[in-house]
Every structure is written in structure tokens, then in C-alpha cells.
Amino acid sequence: MKFYQVFSTVDSRKVADEIAGTLVRERLAACAQVTGPVESTYWWKGKVETSKEWLILIKTSASKLNSLIERLKEIHPYDVPEIIAHEIVSGNPEYLGWIKEVTE
């Protein structure tokens, strides 16, 4: 079984907490951690922007990954949200088992 950590950023702690809660309540994620603020620098609409954002780290199973991404796109406030998934290649077997149990 494969597991993923999904990264996303938003412009407020309140929105980050709401997204984290929604994804966990809907069992698309086993857990979601919010950290920040972080300073992001990026190109947007032809110029360099800098903003304060909050990072959401989301753990899920492969079977829920596509549904999680689609739901995150639905509830995310950005026009083009950062949604990046990294496969978890190794980890505590008990923790990975817990992710499976919670999301399956």
C-alpha cells in the first residue's frame, strides 16, 4: 500500500485550519498539520510577489489521493492552489497502518 504527504498553502491560519478539519472529517486525510506563517515568493500575473502563508501538511493513502486533491481544489480559496503530493517511501509501520485504517 502506498501513502502520500500532500502540501498546500493558504493566506490565513483560519482557512488552513478549516481545510485541515474538512479533509480529516471527510476521512480523505488521516491528519493534517498547519504550520506557519511562512514567507512565500513567487511569480504571479507577470510580477514577483511575496506573501505570508500557512503550510498544510496532509497525510493520506493512495486510494484517497485523487479524491483529496479534487476536494482540496473545491475548497481552496486560490485560483491556482499549490497541491503537491510526495509519496512516503518509508516510515514507522504502525503510523502508516494508522493512516490506512483511518482513510480506508
N, C-alpha and C. Protein backbone atom coordinates (compact mmCIF):
# COMPACT_ATOMS: atom_id res chain seq x y z
N MET A 1 0.85 -1.18 0.00
CA MET A 1 0.00 0.00 0.00
C MET A 1 0.90 1.24 0.00
N LYS A 2 0.49 2.25 -0.74
CA LYS A 2 1.24 3.50 -0.81
C LYS A 2 0.54 4.58 0.00
N PHE A 3 1.38 5.51 0.51
CA PHE A 3 0.89 6.63 1.29
C PHE A 3 1.54 7.90 0.77
N TYR A 4 0.86 9.04 1.01
CA TYR A 4 1.34 10.31 0.48
C TYR A 4 1.26 11.40 1.54
N GLN A 5 2.17 12.36 1.43
CA GLN A 5 2.06 13.62 2.15
C GLN A 5 1.79 14.69 1.10
N VAL A 6 0.72 15.43 1.29
CA VAL A 6 0.30 16.46 0.35
C VAL A 6 0.57 17.82 0.99
N PHE A 7 1.17 18.72 0.21
CA PHE A 7 1.49 20.06 0.66
C PHE A 7 0.54 21.05 0.00
N SER A 8 0.09 22.02 0.78
CA SER A 8 -0.70 23.11 0.22
C SER A 8 -0.48 24.34 1.11
N THR A 9 -0.65 25.52 0.53
CA THR A 9 -0.53 26.76 1.30
C THR A 9 -1.76 27.62 1.08
N VAL A 10 -2.08 28.41 2.11
CA VAL A 10 -3.19 29.36 2.05
C VAL A 10 -2.77 30.65 2.76
N ASP A 11 -3.57 31.69 2.61
CA ASP A 11 -3.18 33.00 3.10
C ASP A 11 -3.65 33.34 4.51
N SER A 12 -4.27 32.40 5.22
CA SER A 12 -4.66 32.69 6.61
C SER A 12 -4.68 31.41 7.43
N ARG A 13 -4.41 31.57 8.70
CA ARG A 13 -4.43 30.43 9.63
C ARG A 13 -5.84 29.86 9.72
N LYS A 14 -6.84 30.73 9.76
CA LYS A 14 -8.23 30.28 9.87
C LYS A 14 -8.61 29.38 8.69
N VAL A 15 -8.26 29.78 7.49
CA VAL A 15 -8.57 28.97 6.30
C VAL A 15 -7.78 27.66 6.34
N ALA A 16 -6.53 27.71 6.75
CA ALA A 16 -5.72 26.49 6.84
C ALA A 16 -6.36 25.50 7.82
N ASP A 17 -6.80 25.99 8.97
CA ASP A 17 -7.45 25.13 9.96
C ASP A 17 -8.76 24.56 9.43
N GLU A 18 -9.53 25.37 8.71
CA GLU A 18 -10.79 24.89 8.13
C GLU A 18 -10.55 23.80 7.11
N ILE A 19 -9.57 23.99 6.24
CA ILE A 19 -9.25 22.98 5.22
C ILE A 19 -8.78 21.70 5.90
N ALA A 20 -7.89 21.82 6.87
CA ALA A 20 -7.39 20.64 7.59
C ALA A 20 -8.54 19.87 8.22
N GLY A 21 -9.42 20.58 8.91
CA GLY A 21 -10.56 19.93 9.56
C GLY A 21 -11.49 19.25 8.58
N THR A 22 -11.77 19.90 7.48
CA THR A 22 -12.66 19.33 6.46
C THR A 22 -12.10 18.03 5.91
N LEU A 23 -10.83 18.03 5.53
CA LEU A 23 -10.23 16.84 4.93
C LEU A 23 -10.16 15.67 5.91
N VAL A 24 -9.90 15.96 7.19
CA VAL A 24 -9.86 14.90 8.19
C VAL A 24 -11.27 14.40 8.50
N ARG A 25 -12.22 15.31 8.70
CA ARG A 25 -13.61 14.90 8.99
C ARG A 25 -14.18 14.04 7.87
N GLU A 26 -13.83 14.38 6.62
CA GLU A 26 -14.35 13.62 5.48
C GLU A 26 -13.53 12.35 5.21
N ARG A 27 -12.57 12.08 6.06
CA ARG A 27 -11.72 10.88 6.01
C ARG A 27 -10.93 10.77 4.71
N LEU A 28 -10.67 11.90 4.11
CA LEU A 28 -9.77 11.93 2.96
C LEU A 28 -8.33 12.00 3.43
N ALA A 29 -8.14 12.41 4.68
CA ALA A 29 -6.82 12.51 5.29
C ALA A 29 -6.86 11.89 6.67
N ALA A 30 -5.75 11.27 7.05
CA ALA A 30 -5.64 10.75 8.41
C ALA A 30 -5.33 11.89 9.37
N CYS A 31 -4.51 12.82 8.92
CA CYS A 31 -4.20 14.00 9.73
C CYS A 31 -3.73 15.12 8.81
N ALA A 32 -3.79 16.32 9.34
CA ALA A 32 -3.30 17.49 8.62
C ALA A 32 -2.70 18.43 9.64
N GLN A 33 -1.48 18.83 9.38
CA GLN A 33 -0.77 19.74 10.28
C GLN A 33 -0.66 21.10 9.62
N VAL A 34 -0.84 22.13 10.42
CA VAL A 34 -0.73 23.50 9.93
C VAL A 34 0.49 24.13 10.60
N THR A 35 1.32 24.73 9.79
CA THR A 35 2.49 25.43 10.30
C THR A 35 2.62 26.78 9.61
N GLY A 36 3.25 27.69 10.29
CA GLY A 36 3.46 29.00 9.69
C GLY A 36 3.34 30.08 10.73
N PRO A 37 3.42 31.28 10.29
CA PRO A 37 3.45 31.65 8.88
C PRO A 37 4.82 31.41 8.25
N VAL A 38 4.78 31.24 6.93
CA VAL A 38 5.98 31.16 6.11
C VAL A 38 5.90 32.29 5.09
N GLU A 39 7.05 32.75 4.65
CA GLU A 39 7.10 33.79 3.62
C GLU A 39 7.28 33.12 2.27
N SER A 40 6.38 33.36 1.36
CA SER A 40 6.44 32.78 0.02
C SER A 40 6.76 33.86 -1.00
N THR A 41 7.64 33.54 -1.92
CA THR A 41 7.99 34.43 -3.03
C THR A 41 7.73 33.68 -4.31
N TYR A 42 6.98 34.29 -5.24
CA TYR A 42 6.53 33.56 -6.43
C TYR A 42 6.17 34.54 -7.55
N TRP A 43 6.16 34.03 -8.78
CA TRP A 43 5.66 34.79 -9.93
C TRP A 43 4.15 34.69 -9.96
N TRP A 44 3.46 35.80 -10.14
CA TRP A 44 2.01 35.79 -10.30
C TRP A 44 1.61 36.97 -11.16
N LYS A 45 0.95 36.66 -12.27
CA LYS A 45 0.44 37.67 -13.19
C LYS A 45 1.53 38.64 -13.64
N GLY A 46 2.67 38.07 -14.01
CA GLY A 46 3.74 38.84 -14.61
C GLY A 46 4.69 39.57 -13.67
N LYS A 47 4.55 39.35 -12.36
CA LYS A 47 5.48 40.01 -11.45
C LYS A 47 5.77 39.12 -10.25
N VAL A 48 6.85 39.45 -9.55
CA VAL A 48 7.23 38.72 -8.36
C VAL A 48 6.42 39.23 -7.18
N GLU A 49 5.81 38.32 -6.46
CA GLU A 49 5.01 38.64 -5.28
C GLU A 49 5.64 37.99 -4.05
N THR A 50 5.40 38.57 -2.90
CA THR A 50 5.80 37.98 -1.63
C THR A 50 4.60 38.07 -0.71
N SER A 51 4.31 36.97 -0.03
CA SER A 51 3.18 36.98 0.90
C SER A 51 3.42 36.03 2.06
N LYS A 52 2.66 36.26 3.11
CA LYS A 52 2.67 35.40 4.28
C LYS A 52 1.63 34.31 4.05
N GLU A 53 2.04 33.06 4.24
CA GLU A 53 1.13 31.93 4.05
C GLU A 53 1.28 30.92 5.18
N TRP A 54 0.32 30.02 5.26
CA TRP A 54 0.35 28.91 6.20
C TRP A 54 0.42 27.62 5.39
N LEU A 55 1.28 26.72 5.81
CA LEU A 55 1.53 25.46 5.13
C LEU A 55 0.70 24.36 5.78
N ILE A 56 0.00 23.60 4.95
CA ILE A 56 -0.78 22.46 5.43
C ILE A 56 -0.09 21.20 4.93
N LEU A 57 0.25 20.31 5.86
CA LEU A 57 0.87 19.03 5.54
C LEU A 57 -0.17 17.95 5.81
N ILE A 58 -0.57 17.24 4.78
CA ILE A 58 -1.70 16.33 4.84
C ILE A 58 -1.23 14.91 4.55
N LYS A 59 -1.60 13.94 5.41
CA LYS A 59 -1.23 12.54 5.19
C LYS A 59 -2.45 11.76 4.73
N THR A 60 -2.25 10.95 3.66
CA THR A 60 -3.36 10.17 3.12
C THR A 60 -2.84 8.88 2.49
N SER A 61 -3.77 8.02 2.15
CA SER A 61 -3.45 6.76 1.45
C SER A 61 -3.60 6.96 -0.05
N ALA A 62 -2.96 6.08 -0.81
CA ALA A 62 -3.04 6.17 -2.27
C ALA A 62 -4.48 6.10 -2.76
N SER A 63 -5.30 5.31 -2.08
CA SER A 63 -6.69 5.15 -2.53
C SER A 63 -7.51 6.43 -2.37
N LYS A 64 -7.08 7.34 -1.50
CA LYS A 64 -7.82 8.59 -1.28
C LYS A 64 -7.16 9.80 -1.93
N LEU A 65 -5.97 9.61 -2.51
CA LEU A 65 -5.21 10.75 -3.01
C LEU A 65 -5.98 11.58 -4.03
N ASN A 66 -6.52 10.96 -5.06
CA ASN A 66 -7.22 11.73 -6.11
C ASN A 66 -8.45 12.45 -5.56
N SER A 67 -9.20 11.78 -4.69
CA SER A 67 -10.37 12.42 -4.09
C SER A 67 -9.96 13.58 -3.21
N LEU A 68 -8.86 13.43 -2.48
CA LEU A 68 -8.35 14.51 -1.64
C LEU A 68 -7.96 15.71 -2.50
N ILE A 69 -7.24 15.47 -3.58
CA ILE A 69 -6.83 16.56 -4.46
C ILE A 69 -8.04 17.29 -5.03
N GLU A 70 -9.02 16.55 -5.50
CA GLU A 70 -10.22 17.18 -6.06
C GLU A 70 -10.98 17.99 -5.01
N ARG A 71 -11.11 17.44 -3.81
CA ARG A 71 -11.81 18.16 -2.74
C ARG A 71 -11.03 19.40 -2.33
N LEU A 72 -9.72 19.28 -2.24
CA LEU A 72 -8.89 20.42 -1.88
C LEU A 72 -9.04 21.54 -2.91
N LYS A 73 -9.09 21.18 -4.18
CA LYS A 73 -9.30 22.19 -5.22
C LYS A 73 -10.66 22.88 -5.06
N GLU A 74 -11.68 22.13 -4.64
CA GLU A 74 -13.02 22.69 -4.45
C GLU A 74 -13.06 23.71 -3.31
N ILE A 75 -12.36 23.43 -2.21
CA ILE A 75 -12.49 24.26 -1.01
C ILE A 75 -11.36 25.26 -0.85
N HIS A 76 -10.37 25.20 -1.70
CA HIS A 76 -9.21 26.10 -1.60
C HIS A 76 -9.56 27.48 -2.16
N PRO A 77 -9.15 28.56 -1.49
CA PRO A 77 -9.52 29.89 -1.96
C PRO A 77 -8.70 30.43 -3.14
N TYR A 78 -7.58 29.83 -3.49
CA TYR A 78 -6.74 30.36 -4.56
C TYR A 78 -7.24 29.93 -5.93
N ASP A 79 -6.97 30.76 -6.94
CA ASP A 79 -7.28 30.41 -8.33
C ASP A 79 -6.47 29.20 -8.78
N VAL A 80 -5.21 29.16 -8.39
CA VAL A 80 -4.31 28.06 -8.74
C VAL A 80 -3.63 27.59 -7.45
N PRO A 81 -4.29 26.71 -6.70
CA PRO A 81 -3.72 26.30 -5.42
C PRO A 81 -2.49 25.40 -5.58
N GLU A 82 -1.55 25.59 -4.67
CA GLU A 82 -0.42 24.67 -4.58
C GLU A 82 -0.94 23.37 -3.98
N ILE A 83 -0.85 22.30 -4.76
CA ILE A 83 -1.20 20.97 -4.27
C ILE A 83 -0.13 20.04 -4.81
N ILE A 84 0.77 19.64 -3.93
CA ILE A 84 1.89 18.80 -4.34
C ILE A 84 1.89 17.55 -3.45
N ALA A 85 1.90 16.39 -4.07
CA ALA A 85 1.89 15.13 -3.32
C ALA A 85 3.24 14.43 -3.46
N HIS A 86 3.78 14.04 -2.32
CA HIS A 86 5.02 13.26 -2.29
C HIS A 86 4.70 11.89 -1.74
N GLU A 87 5.16 10.86 -2.42
CA GLU A 87 4.98 9.52 -1.89
C GLU A 87 5.85 9.35 -0.65
N ILE A 88 5.29 8.74 0.37
CA ILE A 88 6.04 8.39 1.57
C ILE A 88 6.71 7.05 1.27
N VAL A 89 8.01 7.06 1.13
CA VAL A 89 8.71 5.84 0.72
C VAL A 89 9.07 4.94 1.89
N SER A 90 9.06 5.49 3.09
CA SER A 90 9.37 4.70 4.27
C SER A 90 8.84 5.44 5.49
N GLY A 91 8.59 4.69 6.54
CA GLY A 91 8.11 5.31 7.77
C GLY A 91 7.81 4.27 8.82
N ASN A 92 7.39 4.73 9.96
CA ASN A 92 7.00 3.86 11.06
C ASN A 92 5.83 2.99 10.59
N PRO A 93 6.00 1.67 10.56
CA PRO A 93 4.92 0.80 10.06
C PRO A 93 3.61 0.99 10.81
N GLU A 94 3.68 1.24 12.11
CA GLU A 94 2.45 1.44 12.89
C GLU A 94 1.76 2.73 12.47
N TYR A 95 2.53 3.76 12.20
CA TYR A 95 1.95 5.03 11.76
C TYR A 95 1.31 4.87 10.39
N LEU A 96 2.00 4.22 9.48
CA LEU A 96 1.44 4.01 8.14
C LEU A 96 0.19 3.14 8.21
N GLY A 97 0.20 2.16 9.10
CA GLY A 97 -1.00 1.34 9.31
C GLY A 97 -2.16 2.16 9.82
N TRP A 98 -1.87 3.13 10.67
CA TRP A 98 -2.90 4.01 11.19
C TRP A 98 -3.49 4.86 10.06
N ILE A 99 -2.64 5.38 9.18
CA ILE A 99 -3.15 6.15 8.02
C ILE A 99 -4.11 5.28 7.22
N LYS A 100 -3.71 4.05 6.96
CA LYS A 100 -4.57 3.12 6.20
C LYS A 100 -5.90 2.92 6.92
N GLU A 101 -5.84 2.63 8.20
CA GLU A 101 -7.05 2.37 8.98
C GLU A 101 -8.02 3.54 8.95
N VAL A 102 -7.49 4.74 9.08
CA VAL A 102 -8.34 5.93 9.18
C VAL A 102 -8.93 6.32 7.82
N THR A 103 -8.20 6.09 6.74
CA THR A 103 -8.66 6.55 5.42
C THR A 103 -9.34 5.47 4.59
N GLU A 104 -9.31 4.24 5.02
CA GLU A 104 -9.92 3.15 4.22
C GLU A 104 -11.34 2.87 4.66
